[in-house]
Amino acid sequence: GFLAGREVAAMATPKGKSFYHLYLDARNRKWSKVVQRLHQLTSEECRHSLCYQSRGGYTIMHQAALSAGREVIEILLSLPGGQKSLSFRTIKDLKGAPRKLLPVDLAKELRKDKQTLKMLTPSESEEKTKD
């Protein structure tokens, strides 16, 4: 029916509004909302959401590295696209300088604890696939 057609249209644009809004919620540190929303998505939508990059190249995982606790990072990593999103690089840093930063790089700059850094470090296989 009517809804199905609209859903198909939304799926045709993986970087559609919903992914952007979810990213904005992450940027605004609304982590419980982000986690709740991700759990409601299909695995395909979840993958798109976690791999969505802002104009600066930031993903939800970059935002998590900046402001989320370990529990949230752990949840994100367990979701489809979570591990993959660890190997996405920014186009510029937070000050607007051109720098290609992984989520773990941001966490290092903020001097996050070793356990968090370990969680955010991409596995070898992920690093190779995203070059």
Foldseek 3Di string as FASTA:
>chain_A
DVVVVVVVVQVVDLLDDVLVVLLVCLLVVVLVVSLVVLVPDDLVSNLSSQCDADPQFDHSLLSCLVDNDPVSLVSQCVGRNSLLQQQTFTQADPVRHGDTDGSLRNNVVVVHDPVSSVSSDHDPVSNVVPD
